[in-house]
Amino acid sequence: MPNVTCTCGAKFRFPDSVIGKKAKCRQCGHIFEITTEDEGELELVPEEPVVISGTAATIAAPAAAAHAPQIGRAFHAAGAAASAMGTYLASLGKALIFPVHKSNIINFLIIAVILAFSVFLRFAACLGMIGLIFITGCYAAYLFQVVESSANGEPELPALEISDGLWEGVLLPALRMIGSWLVVLAPALVYLILVPQAGTGGGPFGLLKNLTGPLGISDYDPVLLVLGFGGMFFWPMAILCIAIGGFASLARIDLIIRTIIRTLPGYILVVVLVFGSVLAAEGINAATSHALSKGEKLEMDDTIVLQMVGQVVGLYINLVAMRAIGLYYFHLKHRFAWNWG
């Protein structure tokens, strides 16, 4: 019975009845001719091969040779993952300078003007409140659109459109945004209800005030801090799931955790960008509030301009964060534990 060694190192033993025929290696796909003696390195046969079935041929390769293809696939997967991270980082760099694109700067300026106008609505009592709710809903809807367009790999910001009516185009997106926070912070909220004194603790945990104060959870006990920060860690994934798959996709927490583990470097980068933007936005709000608290030293025009600048800067920060979430899915979706198509 002829023994043949493939170029990948796998060894085959064939019955004499197939001598002279062609076969394909089941390990690497190499095509060779079955001969009476082992010829070592075999040349590729251009003709269509006769693939020998598993019953007619047996593999008797040593362990190292048998695992060679698996090792090759592992290196290939690692290379693909590194390549995906590289392109993701490049896309994030472009996301930081998105206003340089002509269509992006136009969309950005339109939304910036609307948000700046909302500053005046704060002085308009009931009608102003209605206007603020409307603008907030439209803004939330637009942020979800940014996530969706970025998840599809679109380099440009979507145009601002309200075509789904008041409920689906304004109120529902606002509720979805609020719901995303309620979902991820639910454990912390439940704990705070069950242990109300957790939010009034001091002592050594007061040292965390400067770090956690901008997030609104200063001076809390460690359990609440862990639940709060843990929930916020999942928020970018929650926004992605809600934007693309709806709230129902949040039910598969096992798939979410598996996906985060598979894409951990990329996801940590998203978390850093998103919550860096949250801290920056809160810092702007804190600076604005501090300036407004000294209103006697500022003219009304100055306070309005200051709030407008805060709105525009906050818009840029939020758009970068939403782009980062969508691009995370676009570049690393092959590592996700599920498929949205």
C-alpha atoms as a PDB file:
ATOM      1  CA  MET A   1       0.000   0.000   0.000  1.00  0.00           C
ATOM      2  CA  PRO A   2       1.541   3.351  -1.069  1.00  0.00           C
ATOM      3  CA  ASN A   3       2.294   5.965   1.593  1.00  0.00           C
ATOM      4  CA  VAL A   4       2.262   9.573   0.395  1.00  0.00           C
ATOM      5  CA  THR A   5       3.440  12.664   2.300  1.00  0.00           C
ATOM      6  CA  CYS A   6       1.756  15.953   1.419  1.00  0.00           C
ATOM      7  CA  THR A   7       3.671  19.236   1.295  1.00  0.00           C
ATOM      8  CA  CYS A   8       1.995  20.257   4.583  1.00  0.00           C
ATOM      9  CA  GLY A   9       3.456  17.201   6.343  1.00  0.00           C
ATOM     10  CA  ALA A  10       0.301  15.093   6.513  1.00  0.00           C
ATOM     11  CA  LYS A  11       0.827  11.418   5.631  1.00  0.00           C
ATOM     12  CA  PHE A  12      -1.674   9.289   3.750  1.00  0.00           C
ATOM     13  CA  ARG A  13      -1.891   5.543   3.173  1.00  0.00           C
ATOM     14  CA  PHE A  14      -3.838   4.374   0.107  1.00  0.00           C
ATOM     15  CA  PRO A  15      -4.899   1.003  -1.287  1.00  0.00           C
ATOM     16  CA  ASP A  16      -3.054  -0.232  -4.381  1.00  0.00           C
ATOM     17  CA  SER A  17      -6.211   0.128  -6.478  1.00  0.00           C
ATOM     18  CA  VAL A  18      -5.918   3.939  -6.572  1.00  0.00           C
ATOM     19  CA  ILE A  19      -2.255   4.170  -7.659  1.00  0.00           C
ATOM     20  CA  GLY A  20      -1.904   6.711 -10.458  1.00  0.00           C
ATOM     21  CA  LYS A  21      -5.029   8.641  -9.482  1.00  0.00           C
ATOM     22  CA  LYS A  22      -5.130  12.146  -8.025  1.00  0.00           C
ATOM     23  CA  ALA A  23      -6.216  13.077  -4.522  1.00  0.00           C
ATOM     24  CA  LYS A  24      -6.694  16.202  -2.460  1.00  0.00           C
ATOM     25  CA  CYS A  25      -5.155  16.561   1.000  1.00  0.00           C
ATOM     26  CA  ARG A  26      -7.879  16.892   3.611  1.00  0.00           C
ATOM     27  CA  GLN A  27      -5.634  19.102   5.762  1.00  0.00           C
ATOM     28  CA  CYS A  28      -4.454  21.809   3.336  1.00  0.00           C
ATOM     29  CA  GLY A  29      -6.256  21.114   0.042  1.00  0.00           C
ATOM     30  CA  HIS A  30      -3.054  20.320  -1.867  1.00  0.00           C
ATOM     31  CA  ILE A  31      -3.627  18.165  -4.982  1.00  0.00           C
ATOM     32  CA  PHE A  32      -1.214  15.342  -5.675  1.00  0.00           C
ATOM     33  CA  GLU A  33      -0.865  12.078  -7.610  1.00  0.00           C
ATOM     34  CA  ILE A  34      -0.813   8.773  -5.755  1.00  0.00           C
ATOM     35  CA  THR A  35       2.403   6.932  -6.482  1.00  0.00           C
ATOM     36  CA  THR A  36       3.936   3.674  -5.344  1.00  0.00           C
ATOM     37  CA  GLU A  37       6.614   5.413  -3.277  1.00  0.00           C
ATOM     38  CA  ASP A  38       6.707   8.409  -0.993  1.00  0.00           C
ATOM     39  CA  GLU A  39       8.146  11.239  -3.098  1.00  0.00           C
ATOM     40  CA  GLY A  40       8.274  13.805  -0.313  1.00  0.00           C
ATOM     41  CA  GLU A  41       7.556  17.262  -1.739  1.00  0.00           C
ATOM     42  CA  LEU A  42       4.922  16.680  -4.424  1.00  0.00           C
ATOM     43  CA  GLU A  43       4.112  19.070  -7.240  1.00  0.00           C
ATOM     44  CA  LEU A  44       0.622  20.472  -7.673  1.00  0.00           C
ATOM     45  CA  VAL A  45      -1.356  18.554 -10.276  1.00  0.00           C
ATOM     46  CA  PRO A  46      -3.354  20.952 -12.505  1.00  0.00           C
ATOM     47  CA  GLU A  47      -6.040  18.482 -13.564  1.00  0.00           C
ATOM     48  CA  GLU A  48      -9.271  17.966 -11.661  1.00  0.00           C
ATOM     49  CA  PRO A  49      -8.500  15.589  -8.777  1.00  0.00           C
ATOM     50  CA  VAL A  50     -10.259  12.464  -7.701  1.00  0.00           C
ATOM     51  CA  VAL A  51     -10.848  13.122  -4.001  1.00  0.00           C
ATOM     52  CA  ILE A  52     -10.304   9.960  -1.994  1.00  0.00           C
ATOM     53  CA  SER A  53     -12.991   9.460   0.636  1.00  0.00           C
ATOM     54  CA  GLY A  54     -12.294   8.913   4.283  1.00  0.00           C
ATOM     55  CA  THR A  55     -12.933   5.171   3.939  1.00  0.00           C
ATOM     56  CA  ALA A  56     -10.320   4.735   1.245  1.00  0.00           C
ATOM     57  CA  ALA A  57      -7.587   6.824   2.853  1.00  0.00           C
ATOM     58  CA  THR A  58      -6.451   7.341   6.386  1.00  0.00           C
ATOM     59  CA  ILE A  59      -4.341  10.124   7.834  1.00  0.00           C
ATOM     60  CA  ALA A  60      -1.398   8.994   9.875  1.00  0.00           C
ATOM     61  CA  ALA A  61       0.291  12.355  10.417  1.00  0.00           C
ATOM     62  CA  PRO A  62       2.307  13.064  13.537  1.00  0.00           C
ATOM     63  CA  ALA A  63       0.662  15.328  16.128  1.00  0.00           C
ATOM     64  CA  ALA A  64       2.610  18.422  15.111  1.00  0.00           C
ATOM     65  CA  ALA A  65       1.746  17.974  11.445  1.00  0.00           C
ATOM     66  CA  ALA A  66      -1.902  17.265  12.206  1.00  0.00           C
ATOM     67  CA  HIS A  67      -2.172  20.502  14.190  1.00  0.00           C
ATOM     68  CA  ALA A  68      -0.271  22.583  11.640  1.00  0.00           C
ATOM     69  CA  PRO A  69      -3.412  23.768   9.816  1.00  0.00           C
ATOM     70  CA  GLN A  70      -5.075  24.672  13.126  1.00  0.00           C
ATOM     71  CA  ILE A  71      -2.017  26.660  14.134  1.00  0.00           C
ATOM     72  CA  GLY A  72      -2.059  28.373  10.755  1.00  0.00           C
ATOM     73  CA  ARG A  73      -5.707  29.253  11.161  1.00  0.00           C
ATOM     74  CA  ALA A  74      -4.988  30.638  14.634  1.00  0.00           C
ATOM     75  CA  PHE A  75      -2.252  32.883  13.248  1.00  0.00           C
ATOM     76  CA  HIS A  76      -4.564  33.928  10.440  1.00  0.00           C
ATOM     77  CA  ALA A  77      -7.336  34.795  12.928  1.00  0.00           C
ATOM     78  CA  ALA A  78      -4.884  36.761  15.065  1.00  0.00           C
ATOM     79  CA  GLY A  79      -3.686  38.636  11.997  1.00  0.00           C
ATOM     80  CA  ALA A  80      -7.260  39.384  10.939  1.00  0.00           C
ATOM     81  CA  ALA A  81      -8.088  40.652  14.436  1.00  0.00           C
ATOM     82  CA  ALA A  82      -5.015  42.898  14.455  1.00  0.00           C
ATOM     83  CA  SER A  83      -5.926  44.204  11.005  1.00  0.00           C
ATOM     84  CA  ALA A  84      -9.495  44.933  12.133  1.00  0.00           C
ATOM     85  CA  MET A  85      -8.199  46.824  15.178  1.00  0.00           C
ATOM     86  CA  GLY A  86      -5.851  48.793  12.948  1.00  0.00           C
ATOM     87  CA  THR A  87      -8.628  49.891  10.608  1.00  0.00           C
ATOM     88  CA  TYR A  88     -10.842  50.622  13.617  1.00  0.00           C
ATOM     89  CA  LEU A  89      -8.192  52.904  15.115  1.00  0.00           C
ATOM     90  CA  ALA A  90      -7.806  54.662  11.768  1.00  0.00           C
ATOM     91  CA  SER A  91     -11.575  55.187  11.570  1.00  0.00           C
ATOM     92  CA  LEU A  92     -11.625  56.581  15.104  1.00  0.00           C
ATOM     93  CA  GLY A  93      -8.940  59.056  14.112  1.00  0.00           C
ATOM     94  CA  LYS A  94     -11.122  60.213  11.236  1.00  0.00           C
ATOM     95  CA  ALA A  95     -14.136  60.376  13.568  1.00  0.00           C
ATOM     96  CA  LEU A  96     -12.296  62.906  15.734  1.00  0.00           C
ATOM     97  CA  ILE A  97     -11.935  65.250  12.763  1.00  0.00           C
ATOM     98  CA  PHE A  98     -15.295  64.545  11.138  1.00  0.00           C
ATOM     99  CA  PRO A  99     -16.163  68.273  10.757  1.00  0.00           C
ATOM    100  CA  VAL A 100     -13.510  68.662   8.048  1.00  0.00           C
ATOM    101  CA  HIS A 101     -15.790  66.798   5.635  1.00  0.00           C
ATOM    102  CA  LYS A 102     -18.011  69.278   3.789  1.00  0.00           C
ATOM    103  CA  SER A 103     -21.327  67.476   4.267  1.00  0.00           C
ATOM    104  CA  ASN A 104     -20.455  66.722   7.896  1.00  0.00           C
ATOM    105  CA  ILE A 105     -19.763  70.334   8.776  1.00  0.00           C
ATOM    106  CA  ILE A 106     -23.079  71.366   7.208  1.00  0.00           C
ATOM    107  CA  ASN A 107     -25.028  68.810   9.249  1.00  0.00           C
ATOM    108  CA  PHE A 108     -23.023  69.699  12.340  1.00  0.00           C
ATOM    109  CA  LEU A 109     -23.755  73.413  11.974  1.00  0.00           C
ATOM    110  CA  ILE A 110     -27.487  72.801  11.444  1.00  0.00           C
ATOM    111  CA  ILE A 111     -27.749  70.751  14.634  1.00  0.00           C
ATOM    112  CA  ALA A 112     -25.493  73.169  16.519  1.00  0.00           C
ATOM    113  CA  VAL A 113     -27.777  76.071  15.614  1.00  0.00           C
ATOM    114  CA  ILE A 114     -30.839  74.139  16.795  1.00  0.00           C
ATOM    115  CA  LEU A 115     -29.191  73.239  20.099  1.00  0.00           C
ATOM    116  CA  ALA A 116     -27.955  76.790  20.565  1.00  0.00           C
ATOM    117  CA  PHE A 117     -31.487  78.052  19.962  1.00  0.00           C
ATOM    118  CA  SER A 118     -32.711  75.728  22.709  1.00  0.00           C
ATOM    119  CA  VAL A 119     -30.878  77.939  25.206  1.00  0.00           C
ATOM    120  CA  PHE A 120     -33.471  80.660  24.630  1.00  0.00           C
ATOM    121  CA  LEU A 121     -36.311  78.192  25.238  1.00  0.00           C
ATOM    122  CA  ARG A 122     -35.215  77.859  28.859  1.00  0.00           C
ATOM    123  CA  PHE A 123     -36.570  81.348  29.453  1.00  0.00           C
ATOM    124  CA  ALA A 124     -39.939  80.697  27.771  1.00  0.00           C
ATOM    125  CA  ALA A 125     -41.925  78.940  30.542  1.00  0.00           C
ATOM    126  CA  CYS A 126     -44.385  76.257  29.396  1.00  0.00           C
ATOM    127  CA  LEU A 127     -43.957  76.758  25.662  1.00  0.00           C
ATOM    128  CA  GLY A 128     -40.230  76.690  26.141  1.00  0.00           C
ATOM    129  CA  MET A 129     -40.490  73.389  28.007  1.00  0.00           C
ATOM    130  CA  ILE A 130     -42.470  71.864  25.148  1.00  0.00           C
ATOM    131  CA  GLY A 131     -39.875  73.096  22.695  1.00  0.00           C
ATOM    132  CA  LEU A 132     -37.041  71.668  24.808  1.00  0.00           C
ATOM    133  CA  ILE A 133     -38.742  68.261  24.924  1.00  0.00           C
ATOM    134  CA  PHE A 134     -39.181  68.327  21.151  1.00  0.00           C
ATOM    135  CA  ILE A 135     -35.550  69.279  20.504  1.00  0.00           C
ATOM    136  CA  THR A 136     -34.287  66.728  23.052  1.00  0.00           C
ATOM    137  CA  GLY A 137     -36.272  63.972  21.335  1.00  0.00           C
ATOM    138  CA  CYS A 138     -35.007  64.970  17.894  1.00  0.00           C
ATOM    139  CA  TYR A 139     -31.455  65.073  19.214  1.00  0.00           C
ATOM    140  CA  ALA A 140     -31.775  61.593  20.741  1.00  0.00           C
ATOM    141  CA  ALA A 141     -33.176  60.267  17.453  1.00  0.00           C
ATOM    142  CA  TYR A 142     -30.248  61.773  15.589  1.00  0.00           C
ATOM    143  CA  LEU A 143     -27.692  60.222  17.939  1.00  0.00           C
ATOM    144  CA  PHE A 144     -29.243  56.796  17.286  1.00  0.00           C
ATOM    145  CA  GLN A 145     -29.031  57.507  13.542  1.00  0.00           C
ATOM    146  CA  VAL A 146     -25.329  58.304  13.926  1.00  0.00           C
ATOM    147  CA  VAL A 147     -24.764  54.935  15.626  1.00  0.00           C
ATOM    148  CA  GLU A 148     -26.669  53.110  12.868  1.00  0.00           C
ATOM    149  CA  SER A 149     -24.913  54.886   9.987  1.00  0.00           C
ATOM    150  CA  SER A 150     -21.497  54.339  11.568  1.00  0.00           C
ATOM    151  CA  ALA A 151     -22.328  50.663  12.153  1.00  0.00           C
ATOM    152  CA  ASN A 152     -22.943  50.429   8.390  1.00  0.00           C
ATOM    153  CA  GLY A 153     -19.540  51.962   7.691  1.00  0.00           C
ATOM    154  CA  GLU A 154     -20.877  55.240   6.304  1.00  0.00           C
ATOM    155  CA  PRO A 155     -18.193  57.956   6.542  1.00  0.00           C
ATOM    156  CA  GLU A 156     -20.636  60.864   6.600  1.00  0.00           C
ATOM    157  CA  LEU A 157     -23.035  62.004   9.267  1.00  0.00           C
ATOM    158  CA  PRO A 158     -26.685  61.279   8.446  1.00  0.00           C
ATOM    159  CA  ALA A 159     -28.900  64.162   7.448  1.00  0.00           C
ATOM    160  CA  LEU A 160     -31.245  65.457  10.154  1.00  0.00           C
ATOM    161  CA  GLU A 161     -34.740  64.244   9.230  1.00  0.00           C
ATOM    162  CA  ILE A 162     -37.990  63.930  11.146  1.00  0.00           C
ATOM    163  CA  SER A 163     -40.169  61.705   8.990  1.00  0.00           C
ATOM    164  CA  ASP A 164     -41.632  59.218  11.478  1.00  0.00           C
ATOM    165  CA  GLY A 165     -44.081  61.475  13.259  1.00  0.00           C
ATOM    166  CA  LEU A 166     -44.080  62.883  16.772  1.00  0.00           C
ATOM    167  CA  TRP A 167     -44.096  59.533  18.594  1.00  0.00           C
ATOM    168  CA  GLU A 168     -41.582  57.480  16.595  1.00  0.00           C
ATOM    169  CA  GLY A 169     -39.447  60.399  15.484  1.00  0.00           C
ATOM    170  CA  VAL A 170     -39.252  62.408  18.725  1.00  0.00           C
ATOM    171  CA  LEU A 171     -40.730  60.922  21.888  1.00  0.00           C
ATOM    172  CA  LEU A 172     -39.737  57.272  21.379  1.00  0.00           C
ATOM    173  CA  PRO A 173     -36.042  58.025  20.733  1.00  0.00           C
ATOM    174  CA  ALA A 174     -35.925  60.141  23.892  1.00  0.00           C
ATOM    175  CA  LEU A 175     -37.471  57.279  25.868  1.00  0.00           C
ATOM    176  CA  ARG A 176     -35.020  54.816  24.288  1.00  0.00           C
ATOM    177  CA  MET A 177     -32.099  56.985  25.381  1.00  0.00           C
ATOM    178  CA  ILE A 178     -33.464  57.249  28.917  1.00  0.00           C
ATOM    179  CA  GLY A 179     -34.223  53.526  28.873  1.00  0.00           C
ATOM    180  CA  SER A 180     -30.631  52.689  27.949  1.00  0.00           C
ATOM    181  CA  TRP A 181     -29.446  54.323  31.162  1.00  0.00           C
ATOM    182  CA  LEU A 182     -32.195  52.756  33.253  1.00  0.00           C
ATOM    183  CA  VAL A 183     -31.274  49.289  31.988  1.00  0.00           C
ATOM    184  CA  VAL A 184     -27.559  49.499  32.739  1.00  0.00           C
ATOM    185  CA  LEU A 185     -28.048  51.294  36.068  1.00  0.00           C
ATOM    186  CA  ALA A 186     -30.952  49.091  37.215  1.00  0.00           C
ATOM    187  CA  PRO A 187     -28.814  47.071  39.678  1.00  0.00           C
ATOM    188  CA  ALA A 188     -27.463  50.279  41.237  1.00  0.00           C
ATOM    189  CA  LEU A 189     -30.945  51.811  41.430  1.00  0.00           C
ATOM    190  CA  VAL A 190     -32.379  48.680  43.039  1.00  0.00           C
ATOM    191  CA  TYR A 191     -29.543  48.648  45.565  1.00  0.00           C
ATOM    192  CA  LEU A 192     -30.098  52.331  46.308  1.00  0.00           C
ATOM    193  CA  ILE A 193     -33.791  51.657  46.964  1.00  0.00           C
ATOM    194  CA  LEU A 194     -33.080  48.671  49.202  1.00  0.00           C
ATOM    195  CA  VAL A 195     -30.214  50.393  51.005  1.00  0.00           C
ATOM    196  CA  PRO A 196     -31.129  54.105  50.926  1.00  0.00           C
ATOM    197  CA  GLN A 197     -28.302  55.098  53.254  1.00  0.00           C
ATOM    198  CA  ALA A 198     -25.855  53.914  50.599  1.00  0.00           C
ATOM    199  CA  GLY A 199     -26.134  57.292  48.904  1.00  0.00           C
ATOM    200  CA  THR A 200     -25.286  59.301  51.990  1.00  0.00           C
ATOM    201  CA  GLY A 201     -22.153  57.542  53.150  1.00  0.00           C
ATOM    202  CA  GLY A 202     -19.038  59.539  53.931  1.00  0.00           C
ATOM    203  CA  GLY A 203     -15.873  58.621  55.736  1.00  0.00           C
ATOM    204  CA  PRO A 204     -13.030  57.240  53.634  1.00  0.00           C
ATOM    205  CA  PHE A 205     -15.245  57.099  50.562  1.00  0.00           C
ATOM    206  CA  GLY A 206     -15.293  60.874  50.542  1.00  0.00           C
ATOM    207  CA  LEU A 207     -11.850  60.611  48.936  1.00  0.00           C
ATOM    208  CA  LEU A 208     -13.643  59.479  45.778  1.00  0.00           C
ATOM    209  CA  LYS A 209     -15.639  62.678  45.584  1.00  0.00           C
ATOM    210  CA  ASN A 210     -13.327  64.470  43.183  1.00  0.00           C
ATOM    211  CA  LEU A 211     -13.251  61.477  40.857  1.00  0.00           C
ATOM    212  CA  THR A 212     -16.906  60.499  40.942  1.00  0.00           C
ATOM    213  CA  GLY A 213     -18.478  63.879  41.570  1.00  0.00           C
ATOM    214  CA  PRO A 214     -18.812  64.731  37.841  1.00  0.00           C
ATOM    215  CA  LEU A 215     -20.743  61.479  37.400  1.00  0.00           C
ATOM    216  CA  GLY A 216     -23.122  62.311  40.234  1.00  0.00           C
ATOM    217  CA  ILE A 217     -22.224  59.341  42.454  1.00  0.00           C
ATOM    218  CA  SER A 218     -19.826  60.871  44.968  1.00  0.00           C
ATOM    219  CA  ASP A 219     -19.634  59.684  48.577  1.00  0.00           C
ATOM    220  CA  TYR A 220     -21.468  56.405  47.933  1.00  0.00           C
ATOM    221  CA  ASP A 221     -20.528  53.081  49.420  1.00  0.00           C
ATOM    222  CA  PRO A 222     -18.297  50.699  47.438  1.00  0.00           C
ATOM    223  CA  VAL A 223     -21.117  48.345  46.421  1.00  0.00           C
ATOM    224  CA  LEU A 224     -23.010  51.202  44.821  1.00  0.00           C
ATOM    225  CA  LEU A 225     -19.866  52.434  43.121  1.00  0.00           C
ATOM    226  CA  VAL A 226     -19.167  48.999  41.647  1.00  0.00           C
ATOM    227  CA  LEU A 227     -22.769  48.621  40.453  1.00  0.00           C
ATOM    228  CA  GLY A 228     -22.812  52.134  39.034  1.00  0.00           C
ATOM    229  CA  PHE A 229     -19.507  51.972  37.193  1.00  0.00           C
ATOM    230  CA  GLY A 230     -20.215  48.392  36.117  1.00  0.00           C
ATOM    231  CA  GLY A 231     -23.505  49.485  34.606  1.00  0.00           C
ATOM    232  CA  MET A 232     -21.888  52.398  32.813  1.00  0.00           C
ATOM    233  CA  PHE A 233     -19.266  50.018  31.420  1.00  0.00           C
ATOM    234  CA  PHE A 234     -22.089  48.215  29.576  1.00  0.00           C
ATOM    235  CA  TRP A 235     -23.772  51.406  28.350  1.00  0.00           C
ATOM    236  CA  PRO A 236     -22.001  51.628  24.949  1.00  0.00           C
ATOM    237  CA  MET A 237     -23.062  48.037  24.189  1.00  0.00           C
ATOM    238  CA  ALA A 238     -26.596  48.835  25.368  1.00  0.00           C
ATOM    239  CA  ILE A 239     -26.808  51.815  23.008  1.00  0.00           C
ATOM    240  CA  LEU A 240     -25.491  49.684  20.133  1.00  0.00           C
ATOM    241  CA  CYS A 241     -27.997  46.901  20.826  1.00  0.00           C
ATOM    242  CA  ILE A 242     -30.929  49.298  21.127  1.00  0.00           C
ATOM    243  CA  ALA A 243     -29.972  51.234  17.992  1.00  0.00           C
ATOM    244  CA  ILE A 244     -29.570  48.149  15.777  1.00  0.00           C
ATOM    245  CA  GLY A 245     -31.379  45.245  17.412  1.00  0.00           C
ATOM    246  CA  GLY A 246     -33.889  46.925  19.715  1.00  0.00           C
ATOM    247  CA  PHE A 247     -34.413  46.421  23.438  1.00  0.00           C
ATOM    248  CA  ALA A 248     -35.089  42.694  22.905  1.00  0.00           C
ATOM    249  CA  SER A 249     -31.420  42.126  22.055  1.00  0.00           C
ATOM    250  CA  LEU A 250     -30.478  43.183  25.597  1.00  0.00           C
ATOM    251  CA  ALA A 251     -32.123  40.013  26.937  1.00  0.00           C
ATOM    252  CA  ARG A 252     -29.180  37.886  25.753  1.00  0.00           C
ATOM    253  CA  ILE A 253     -26.726  39.088  28.366  1.00  0.00           C
ATOM    254  CA  ASP A 254     -24.693  35.909  27.787  1.00  0.00           C
ATOM    255  CA  LEU A 255     -24.048  36.871  24.165  1.00  0.00           C
ATOM    256  CA  ILE A 256     -23.266  40.444  25.173  1.00  0.00           C
ATOM    257  CA  ILE A 257     -20.660  39.343  27.719  1.00  0.00           C
ATOM    258  CA  ARG A 258     -19.160  36.852  25.251  1.00  0.00           C
ATOM    259  CA  THR A 259     -18.910  39.569  22.620  1.00  0.00           C
ATOM    260  CA  ILE A 260     -17.235  42.018  24.990  1.00  0.00           C
ATOM    261  CA  ILE A 261     -14.675  39.355  25.925  1.00  0.00           C
ATOM    262  CA  ARG A 262     -13.993  38.552  22.267  1.00  0.00           C
ATOM    263  CA  THR A 263     -13.537  42.229  21.396  1.00  0.00           C
ATOM    264  CA  LEU A 264     -12.145  43.422  24.726  1.00  0.00           C
ATOM    265  CA  PRO A 265      -9.378  45.775  23.457  1.00  0.00           C
ATOM    266  CA  GLY A 266     -11.752  47.474  21.039  1.00  0.00           C
ATOM    267  CA  TYR A 267     -14.566  47.673  23.568  1.00  0.00           C
ATOM    268  CA  ILE A 268     -12.321  49.160  26.265  1.00  0.00           C
ATOM    269  CA  LEU A 269     -11.293  51.794  23.750  1.00  0.00           C
ATOM    270  CA  VAL A 270     -14.962  52.582  23.116  1.00  0.00           C
ATOM    271  CA  VAL A 271     -15.644  52.838  26.851  1.00  0.00           C
ATOM    272  CA  VAL A 272     -12.681  55.184  27.342  1.00  0.00           C
ATOM    273  CA  LEU A 273     -13.825  57.423  24.479  1.00  0.00           C
ATOM    274  CA  VAL A 274     -17.478  57.433  25.525  1.00  0.00           C
ATOM    275  CA  PHE A 275     -16.882  58.164  29.171  1.00  0.00           C
ATOM    276  CA  GLY A 276     -14.076  60.532  28.426  1.00  0.00           C
ATOM    277  CA  SER A 277     -16.693  62.438  26.448  1.00  0.00           C
ATOM    278  CA  VAL A 278     -19.169  62.147  29.341  1.00  0.00           C
ATOM    279  CA  LEU A 279     -16.633  63.589  31.780  1.00  0.00           C
ATOM    280  CA  ALA A 280     -15.733  66.341  29.330  1.00  0.00           C
ATOM    281  CA  ALA A 281     -19.384  67.242  28.818  1.00  0.00           C
ATOM    282  CA  GLU A 282     -19.999  67.238  32.571  1.00  0.00           C
ATOM    283  CA  GLY A 283     -16.937  69.397  33.040  1.00  0.00           C
ATOM    284  CA  ILE A 284     -18.324  71.908  30.542  1.00  0.00           C
ATOM    285  CA  ASN A 285     -21.684  71.908  32.314  1.00  0.00           C
ATOM    286  CA  ALA A 286     -19.978  72.337  35.679  1.00  0.00           C
ATOM    287  CA  ALA A 287     -17.926  75.253  34.374  1.00  0.00           C
ATOM    288  CA  THR A 288     -21.036  76.827  32.872  1.00  0.00           C
ATOM    289  CA  SER A 289     -23.014  76.390  36.092  1.00  0.00           C
ATOM    290  CA  HIS A 290     -20.150  77.848  38.122  1.00  0.00           C
ATOM    291  CA  ALA A 291     -20.052  80.883  35.870  1.00  0.00           C
ATOM    292  CA  LEU A 292     -23.822  81.288  35.999  1.00  0.00           C
ATOM    293  CA  SER A 293     -23.785  81.035  39.792  1.00  0.00           C
ATOM    294  CA  LYS A 294     -21.886  84.322  39.699  1.00  0.00           C
ATOM    295  CA  GLY A 295     -24.502  85.913  37.526  1.00  0.00           C
ATOM    296  CA  GLU A 296     -24.063  89.327  39.088  1.00  0.00           C
ATOM    297  CA  LYS A 297     -20.675  89.534  37.403  1.00  0.00           C
ATOM    298  CA  LEU A 298     -21.997  88.500  34.001  1.00  0.00           C
ATOM    299  CA  GLU A 299     -24.334  90.203  31.597  1.00  0.00           C
ATOM    300  CA  MET A 300     -27.311  88.209  30.296  1.00  0.00           C
ATOM    301  CA  ASP A 301     -25.704  88.113  26.849  1.00  0.00           C
ATOM    302  CA  ASP A 302     -22.576  86.590  28.329  1.00  0.00           C
ATOM    303  CA  THR A 303     -24.475  83.799  30.076  1.00  0.00           C
ATOM    304  CA  ILE A 304     -26.389  82.937  26.905  1.00  0.00           C
ATOM    305  CA  VAL A 305     -23.227  82.844  24.808  1.00  0.00           C
ATOM    306  CA  LEU A 306     -21.540  80.679  27.421  1.00  0.00           C
ATOM    307  CA  GLN A 307     -24.406  78.166  27.341  1.00  0.00           C
ATOM    308  CA  MET A 308     -24.422  78.155  23.534  1.00  0.00           C
ATOM    309  CA  VAL A 309     -20.720  77.366  23.433  1.00  0.00           C
ATOM    310  CA  GLY A 310     -21.317  74.532  25.893  1.00  0.00           C
ATOM    311  CA  GLN A 311     -24.064  73.118  23.656  1.00  0.00           C
ATOM    312  CA  VAL A 312     -21.857  73.174  20.550  1.00  0.00           C
ATOM    313  CA  VAL A 313     -18.869  71.578  22.298  1.00  0.00           C
ATOM    314  CA  GLY A 314     -21.152  68.973  23.855  1.00  0.00           C
ATOM    315  CA  LEU A 315     -22.585  68.200  20.411  1.00  0.00           C
ATOM    316  CA  TYR A 316     -19.120  67.500  19.005  1.00  0.00           C
ATOM    317  CA  ILE A 317     -18.264  65.247  21.959  1.00  0.00           C
ATOM    318  CA  ASN A 318     -21.511  63.270  21.689  1.00  0.00           C
ATOM    319  CA  LEU A 319     -21.163  62.763  17.941  1.00  0.00           C
ATOM    320  CA  VAL A 320     -17.615  61.434  18.337  1.00  0.00           C
ATOM    321  CA  ALA A 321     -18.824  59.035  21.063  1.00  0.00           C
ATOM    322  CA  MET A 322     -21.730  57.739  18.955  1.00  0.00           C
ATOM    323  CA  ARG A 323     -19.458  57.343  15.934  1.00  0.00           C
ATOM    324  CA  ALA A 324     -17.040  55.322  18.069  1.00  0.00           C
ATOM    325  CA  ILE A 325     -19.839  52.957  19.147  1.00  0.00           C
ATOM    326  CA  GLY A 326     -21.067  52.380  15.605  1.00  0.00           C
ATOM    327  CA  LEU A 327     -17.560  51.934  14.162  1.00  0.00           C
ATOM    328  CA  TYR A 328     -16.806  49.408  16.895  1.00  0.00           C
ATOM    329  CA  TYR A 329     -19.534  47.176  15.458  1.00  0.00           C
ATOM    330  CA  PHE A 330     -18.622  47.834  11.826  1.00  0.00           C
ATOM    331  CA  HIS A 331     -14.976  46.814  12.214  1.00  0.00           C
ATOM    332  CA  LEU A 332     -15.299  44.067  14.826  1.00  0.00           C
ATOM    333  CA  LYS A 333     -18.676  42.489  14.035  1.00  0.00           C
ATOM    334  CA  HIS A 334     -16.947  39.317  12.836  1.00  0.00           C
ATOM    335  CA  ARG A 335     -16.054  38.764  16.495  1.00  0.00           C
ATOM    336  CA  PHE A 336     -19.600  39.313  17.756  1.00  0.00           C
ATOM    337  CA  ALA A 337     -21.510  36.372  19.261  1.00  0.00           C
ATOM    338  CA  TRP A 338     -24.531  37.225  17.116  1.00  0.00           C
ATOM    339  CA  ASN A 339     -25.231  38.699  13.689  1.00  0.00           C
ATOM    340  CA  TRP A 340     -27.554  41.553  12.820  1.00  0.00           C
ATOM    341  CA  GLY A 341     -26.979  40.993   9.114  1.00  0.00           C
END
